[in-house]
Amino acid sequence: MKIVVDYDECEANAVCVGILPDVFEVDDEDNLTVHQEYPPDDILGKVREAVDACPKRALALKQEDDA
């Protein structure tokens, strides 16, 4: 699974950071960084939670062949 970000939609409101700070980071200039584009299976539940919590629906979790 791969985390995909629609940067045109992302407002860097950091909801995802609050859920998974080891995976997502918003810098001082409000740019979102994904530290683990391909997160390990053991945290996929939290990744899905972060994707679903995004108020702008700027995050997606896709199968590698769909990305």
PDB file of N, CA and C in Angstrom:
ATOM      1  N   MET A   1       0.841  -1.181   0.000  1.00  0.00           N
ATOM      2  CA  MET A   1       0.000   0.000   0.000  1.00  0.00           C
ATOM      3  C   MET A   1       0.887   1.245   0.000  1.00  0.00           C
ATOM      4  N   LYS A   2       0.418   2.262  -0.694  1.00  0.00           N
ATOM      5  CA  LYS A   2       1.166   3.511  -0.801  1.00  0.00           C
ATOM      6  C   LYS A   2       0.285   4.679  -0.365  1.00  0.00           C
ATOM      7  N   ILE A   3       0.867   5.611   0.373  1.00  0.00           N
ATOM      8  CA  ILE A   3       0.173   6.842   0.736  1.00  0.00           C
ATOM      9  C   ILE A   3       0.356   7.824  -0.410  1.00  0.00           C
ATOM     10  N   VAL A   4      -0.764   8.363  -0.894  1.00  0.00           N
ATOM     11  CA  VAL A   4      -0.747   9.326  -1.990  1.00  0.00           C
ATOM     12  C   VAL A   4      -1.358  10.625  -1.477  1.00  0.00           C
ATOM     13  N   VAL A   5      -0.711  11.743  -1.786  1.00  0.00           N
ATOM     14  CA  VAL A   5      -1.181  13.057  -1.343  1.00  0.00           C
ATOM     15  C   VAL A   5      -1.553  13.895  -2.563  1.00  0.00           C
ATOM     16  N   ASP A   6      -2.741  14.482  -2.518  1.00  0.00           N
ATOM     17  CA  ASP A   6      -3.137  15.468  -3.527  1.00  0.00           C
ATOM     18  C   ASP A   6      -2.732  16.830  -2.954  1.00  0.00           C
ATOM     19  N   TYR A   7      -1.564  17.300  -3.350  1.00  0.00           N
ATOM     20  CA  TYR A   7      -1.033  18.535  -2.781  1.00  0.00           C
ATOM     21  C   TYR A   7      -1.846  19.757  -3.186  1.00  0.00           C
ATOM     22  N   ASP A   8      -2.647  19.665  -4.242  1.00  0.00           N
ATOM     23  CA  ASP A   8      -3.536  20.769  -4.616  1.00  0.00           C
ATOM     24  C   ASP A   8      -4.668  20.928  -3.609  1.00  0.00           C
ATOM     25  N   GLU A   9      -5.045  19.826  -2.962  1.00  0.00           N
ATOM     26  CA  GLU A   9      -6.126  19.851  -1.977  1.00  0.00           C
ATOM     27  C   GLU A   9      -5.623  20.018  -0.540  1.00  0.00           C
ATOM     28  N   CYS A  10      -4.402  19.579  -0.274  1.00  0.00           N
ATOM     29  CA  CYS A  10      -3.878  19.584   1.086  1.00  0.00           C
ATOM     30  C   CYS A  10      -3.738  21.011   1.623  1.00  0.00           C
ATOM     31  N   GLU A  11      -4.309  21.229   2.799  1.00  0.00           N
ATOM     32  CA  GLU A  11      -4.193  22.525   3.475  1.00  0.00           C
ATOM     33  C   GLU A  11      -3.196  22.475   4.627  1.00  0.00           C
ATOM     34  N   ALA A  12      -2.527  21.348   4.790  1.00  0.00           N
ATOM     35  CA  ALA A  12      -1.520  21.167   5.849  1.00  0.00           C
ATOM     36  C   ALA A  12      -2.082  21.518   7.218  1.00  0.00           C
ATOM     37  N   ASN A  13      -3.296  21.047   7.484  1.00  0.00           N
ATOM     38  CA  ASN A  13      -3.906  21.319   8.781  1.00  0.00           C
ATOM     39  C   ASN A  13      -3.433  20.362   9.870  1.00  0.00           C
ATOM     40  N   ALA A  14      -2.652  19.352   9.494  1.00  0.00           N
ATOM     41  CA  ALA A  14      -1.915  18.476  10.413  1.00  0.00           C
ATOM     42  C   ALA A  14      -2.769  17.491  11.198  1.00  0.00           C
ATOM     43  N   VAL A  15      -3.980  17.229  10.754  1.00  0.00           N
ATOM     44  CA  VAL A  15      -4.776  16.193  11.408  1.00  0.00           C
ATOM     45  C   VAL A  15      -4.046  14.854  11.308  1.00  0.00           C
ATOM     46  N   CYS A  16      -3.487  14.564  10.154  1.00  0.00           N
ATOM     47  CA  CYS A  16      -2.749  13.310   9.954  1.00  0.00           C
ATOM     48  C   CYS A  16      -1.517  13.251  10.857  1.00  0.00           C
ATOM     49  N   VAL A  17      -0.875  14.375  11.054  1.00  0.00           N
ATOM     50  CA  VAL A  17       0.301  14.435  11.926  1.00  0.00           C
ATOM     51  C   VAL A  17      -0.091  14.070  13.356  1.00  0.00           C
ATOM     52  N   GLY A  18      -1.224  14.551  13.787  1.00  0.00           N
ATOM     53  CA  GLY A  18      -1.700  14.239  15.132  1.00  0.00           C
ATOM     54  C   GLY A  18      -1.963  12.755  15.335  1.00  0.00           C
ATOM     55  N   ILE A  19      -2.318  12.062  14.263  1.00  0.00           N
ATOM     56  CA  ILE A  19      -2.600  10.633  14.350  1.00  0.00           C
ATOM     57  C   ILE A  19      -1.325   9.807  14.197  1.00  0.00           C
ATOM     58  N   LEU A  20      -0.460  10.193  13.257  1.00  0.00           N
ATOM     59  CA  LEU A  20       0.761   9.432  12.975  1.00  0.00           C
ATOM     60  C   LEU A  20       1.950  10.364  12.737  1.00  0.00           C
ATOM     61  N   PRO A  21       2.500  10.940  13.787  1.00  0.00           N
ATOM     62  CA  PRO A  21       3.616  11.884  13.611  1.00  0.00           C
ATOM     63  C   PRO A  21       4.899  11.248  13.069  1.00  0.00           C
ATOM     64  N   ASP A  22       5.022   9.934  13.163  1.00  0.00           N
ATOM     65  CA  ASP A  22       6.202   9.277  12.597  1.00  0.00           C
ATOM     66  C   ASP A  22       6.111   9.140  11.079  1.00  0.00           C
ATOM     67  N   VAL A  23       4.908   9.263  10.533  1.00  0.00           N
ATOM     68  CA  VAL A  23       4.691   9.104   9.096  1.00  0.00           C
ATOM     69  C   VAL A  23       4.503  10.453   8.409  1.00  0.00           C
ATOM     70  N   PHE A  24       3.744  11.339   9.053  1.00  0.00           N
ATOM     71  CA  PHE A  24       3.419  12.640   8.456  1.00  0.00           C
ATOM     72  C   PHE A  24       4.076  13.772   9.237  1.00  0.00           C
ATOM     73  N   GLU A  25       4.477  14.817   8.520  1.00  0.00           N
ATOM     74  CA  GLU A  25       5.052  16.004   9.155  1.00  0.00           C
ATOM     75  C   GLU A  25       4.646  17.237   8.352  1.00  0.00           C
ATOM     76  N   VAL A  26       4.291  18.300   9.064  1.00  0.00           N
ATOM     77  CA  VAL A  26       4.047  19.600   8.443  1.00  0.00           C
ATOM     78  C   VAL A  26       5.139  20.538   8.933  1.00  0.00           C
ATOM     79  N   ASP A  27       5.870  21.133   7.995  1.00  0.00           N
ATOM     80  CA  ASP A  27       6.974  22.005   8.376  1.00  0.00           C
ATOM     81  C   ASP A  27       6.485  23.426   8.676  1.00  0.00           C
ATOM     82  N   ASP A  28       7.405  24.303   9.002  1.00  0.00           N
ATOM     83  CA  ASP A  28       7.070  25.677   9.375  1.00  0.00           C
ATOM     84  C   ASP A  28       6.449  26.478   8.237  1.00  0.00           C
ATOM     85  N   GLU A  29       6.625  26.002   7.015  1.00  0.00           N
ATOM     86  CA  GLU A  29       6.052  26.681   5.848  1.00  0.00           C
ATOM     87  C   GLU A  29       4.768  26.008   5.372  1.00  0.00           C
ATOM     88  N   ASP A  30       4.180  25.175   6.236  1.00  0.00           N
ATOM     89  CA  ASP A  30       2.928  24.465   5.952  1.00  0.00           C
ATOM     90  C   ASP A  30       3.014  23.519   4.764  1.00  0.00           C
ATOM     91  N   ASN A  31       4.132  22.822   4.640  1.00  0.00           N
ATOM     92  CA  ASN A  31       4.292  21.799   3.613  1.00  0.00           C
ATOM     93  C   ASN A  31       4.212  20.431   4.277  1.00  0.00           C
ATOM     94  N   LEU A  32       3.362  19.570   3.731  1.00  0.00           N
ATOM     95  CA  LEU A  32       3.232  18.212   4.255  1.00  0.00           C
ATOM     96  C   LEU A  32       4.314  17.323   3.660  1.00  0.00           C
ATOM     97  N   THR A  33       4.964  16.556   4.528  1.00  0.00           N
ATOM     98  CA  THR A  33       5.934  15.554   4.107  1.00  0.00           C
ATOM     99  C   THR A  33       5.448  14.202   4.593  1.00  0.00           C
ATOM    100  N   VAL A  34       5.527  13.204   3.721  1.00  0.00           N
ATOM    101  CA  VAL A  34       5.217  11.829   4.092  1.00  0.00           C
ATOM    102  C   VAL A  34       6.548  11.095   4.217  1.00  0.00           C
ATOM    103  N   HIS A  35       6.862  10.662   5.429  1.00  0.00           N
ATOM    104  CA  HIS A  35       8.148  10.016   5.681  1.00  0.00           C
ATOM    105  C   HIS A  35       8.163   8.541   5.289  1.00  0.00           C
ATOM    106  N   GLN A  36       7.005   7.941   5.205  1.00  0.00           N
ATOM    107  CA  GLN A  36       6.916   6.528   4.830  1.00  0.00           C
ATOM    108  C   GLN A  36       5.818   6.371   3.782  1.00  0.00           C
ATOM    109  N   GLU A  37       6.149   6.555   2.521  1.00  0.00           N
ATOM    110  CA  GLU A  37       5.146   6.404   1.463  1.00  0.00           C
ATOM    111  C   GLU A  37       4.560   5.003   1.436  1.00  0.00           C
ATOM    112  N   TYR A  38       5.378   4.027   1.773  1.00  0.00           N
ATOM    113  CA  TYR A  38       4.952   2.628   1.822  1.00  0.00           C
ATOM    114  C   TYR A  38       5.019   2.158   3.270  1.00  0.00           C
ATOM    115  N   PRO A  39       4.004   2.466   4.061  1.00  0.00           N
ATOM    116  CA  PRO A  39       4.062   2.123   5.482  1.00  0.00           C
ATOM    117  C   PRO A  39       3.986   0.612   5.705  1.00  0.00           C
ATOM    118  N   PRO A  40       4.607   0.136   6.776  1.00  0.00           N
ATOM    119  CA  PRO A  40       4.545  -1.293   7.085  1.00  0.00           C
ATOM    120  C   PRO A  40       3.127  -1.716   7.470  1.00  0.00           C
ATOM    121  N   ASP A  41       2.841  -2.985   7.257  1.00  0.00           N
ATOM    122  CA  ASP A  41       1.502  -3.516   7.513  1.00  0.00           C
ATOM    123  C   ASP A  41       1.026  -3.286   8.941  1.00  0.00           C
ATOM    124  N   ASP A  42       1.943  -3.273   9.894  1.00  0.00           N
ATOM    125  CA  ASP A  42       1.535  -3.163  11.298  1.00  0.00           C
ATOM    126  C   ASP A  42       0.966  -1.796  11.666  1.00  0.00           C
ATOM    127  N   ILE A  43       1.123  -0.782  10.805  1.00  0.00           N
ATOM    128  CA  ILE A  43       0.534   0.530  11.101  1.00  0.00           C
ATOM    129  C   ILE A  43      -0.532   0.940  10.085  1.00  0.00           C
ATOM    130  N   LEU A  44      -0.922   0.021   9.201  1.00  0.00           N
ATOM    131  CA  LEU A  44      -1.911   0.373   8.176  1.00  0.00           C
ATOM    132  C   LEU A  44      -3.247   0.819   8.763  1.00  0.00           C
ATOM    133  N   GLY A  45      -3.625   0.285   9.904  1.00  0.00           N
ATOM    134  CA  GLY A  45      -4.864   0.716  10.556  1.00  0.00           C
ATOM    135  C   GLY A  45      -4.810   2.193  10.920  1.00  0.00           C
ATOM    136  N   LYS A  46      -3.687   2.624  11.477  1.00  0.00           N
ATOM    137  CA  LYS A  46      -3.520   4.040  11.834  1.00  0.00           C
ATOM    138  C   LYS A  46      -3.401   4.904  10.584  1.00  0.00           C
ATOM    139  N   VAL A  47      -2.757   4.379   9.540  1.00  0.00           N
ATOM    140  CA  VAL A  47      -2.662   5.128   8.287  1.00  0.00           C
ATOM    141  C   VAL A  47      -4.065   5.344   7.716  1.00  0.00           C
ATOM    142  N   ARG A  48      -4.888   4.309   7.723  1.00  0.00           N
ATOM    143  CA  ARG A  48      -6.269   4.450   7.237  1.00  0.00           C
ATOM    144  C   ARG A  48      -7.039   5.473   8.072  1.00  0.00           C
ATOM    145  N   GLU A  49      -6.801   5.460   9.371  1.00  0.00           N
ATOM    146  CA  GLU A  49      -7.440   6.440  10.261  1.00  0.00           C
ATOM    147  C   GLU A  49      -7.031   7.863   9.870  1.00  0.00           C
ATOM    148  N   ALA A  50      -5.746   8.070   9.598  1.00  0.00           N
ATOM    149  CA  ALA A  50      -5.257   9.393   9.194  1.00  0.00           C
ATOM    150  C   ALA A  50      -5.836   9.804   7.842  1.00  0.00           C
ATOM    151  N   VAL A  51      -5.886   8.871   6.901  1.00  0.00           N
ATOM    152  CA  VAL A  51      -6.457   9.152   5.573  1.00  0.00           C
ATOM    153  C   VAL A  51      -7.927   9.539   5.717  1.00  0.00           C
ATOM    154  N   ASP A  52      -8.674   8.770   6.493  1.00  0.00           N
ATOM    155  CA  ASP A  52     -10.107   9.035   6.667  1.00  0.00           C
ATOM    156  C   ASP A  52     -10.368  10.330   7.430  1.00  0.00           C
ATOM    157  N   ALA A  53      -9.436  10.751   8.278  1.00  0.00           N
ATOM    158  CA  ALA A  53      -9.621  11.955   9.096  1.00  0.00           C
ATOM    159  C   ALA A  53      -9.283  13.240   8.343  1.00  0.00           C
ATOM    160  N   CYS A  54      -8.651  13.136   7.189  1.00  0.00           N
ATOM    161  CA  CYS A  54      -8.255  14.339   6.451  1.00  0.00           C
ATOM    162  C   CYS A  54      -9.498  15.131   6.050  1.00  0.00           C
ATOM    163  N   PRO A  55      -9.639  16.361   6.538  1.00  0.00           N
ATOM    164  CA  PRO A  55     -10.845  17.141   6.237  1.00  0.00           C
ATOM    165  C   PRO A  55     -10.965  17.541   4.763  1.00  0.00           C
ATOM    166  N   LYS A  56      -9.873  17.579   4.045  1.00  0.00           N
ATOM    167  CA  LYS A  56      -9.908  17.948   2.628  1.00  0.00           C
ATOM    168  C   LYS A  56      -9.873  16.734   1.701  1.00  0.00           C
ATOM    169  N   ARG A  57      -9.825  15.527   2.293  1.00  0.00           N
ATOM    170  CA  ARG A  57      -9.729  14.289   1.505  1.00  0.00           C
ATOM    171  C   ARG A  57      -8.531  14.332   0.552  1.00  0.00           C
ATOM    172  N   ALA A  58      -7.433  14.906   1.036  1.00  0.00           N
ATOM    173  CA  ALA A  58      -6.220  15.042   0.234  1.00  0.00           C
ATOM    174  C   ALA A  58      -5.322  13.823   0.319  1.00  0.00           C
ATOM    175  N   LEU A  59      -5.652  12.888   1.201  1.00  0.00           N
ATOM    176  CA  LEU A  59      -4.837  11.690   1.361  1.00  0.00           C
ATOM    177  C   LEU A  59      -5.588  10.475   0.840  1.00  0.00           C
ATOM    178  N   ALA A  60      -4.828   9.545   0.284  1.00  0.00           N
ATOM    179  CA  ALA A  60      -5.389   8.283  -0.167  1.00  0.00           C
ATOM    180  C   ALA A  60      -4.391   7.175   0.118  1.00  0.00           C
ATOM    181  N   LEU A  61      -4.907   5.985   0.279  1.00  0.00           N
ATOM    182  CA  LEU A  61      -4.100   4.796   0.463  1.00  0.00           C
ATOM    183  C   LEU A  61      -4.433   3.880  -0.696  1.00  0.00           C
ATOM    184  N   LYS A  62      -3.440   3.603  -1.537  1.00  0.00           N
ATOM    185  CA  LYS A  62      -3.695   2.855  -2.766  1.00  0.00           C
ATOM    186  C   LYS A  62      -2.814   1.617  -2.851  1.00  0.00           C
ATOM    187  N   GLN A  63      -3.349   0.631  -3.542  1.00  0.00           N
ATOM    188  CA  GLN A  63      -2.541  -0.542  -3.859  1.00  0.00           C
ATOM    189  C   GLN A  63      -1.376  -0.080  -4.719  1.00  0.00           C
ATOM    190  N   GLU A  64      -0.247  -0.694  -4.577  1.00  0.00           N
ATOM    191  CA  GLU A  64       0.954  -0.272  -5.312  1.00  0.00           C
ATOM    192  C   GLU A  64       0.707  -0.220  -6.820  1.00  0.00           C
ATOM    193  N   ASP A  65      -0.034  -1.165  -7.370  1.00  0.00           N
ATOM    194  CA  ASP A  65      -0.291  -1.168  -8.807  1.00  0.00           C
ATOM    195  C   ASP A  65      -1.323  -0.133  -9.240  1.00  0.00           C
ATOM    196  N   ASP A  66      -2.095   0.441  -8.261  1.00  0.00           N
ATOM    197  CA  ASP A  66      -3.074   1.499  -8.549  1.00  0.00           C
ATOM    198  C   ASP A  66      -2.454   2.881  -8.505  1.00  0.00           C
ATOM    199  N   ALA A  67      -1.311   3.014  -7.841  1.00  0.00           N
ATOM    200  CA  ALA A  67      -0.692   4.311  -7.599  1.00  0.00           C
ATOM    201  C   ALA A  67      -0.191   4.850  -8.913  1.00  0.00           C
TER     202      ALA A  67
END
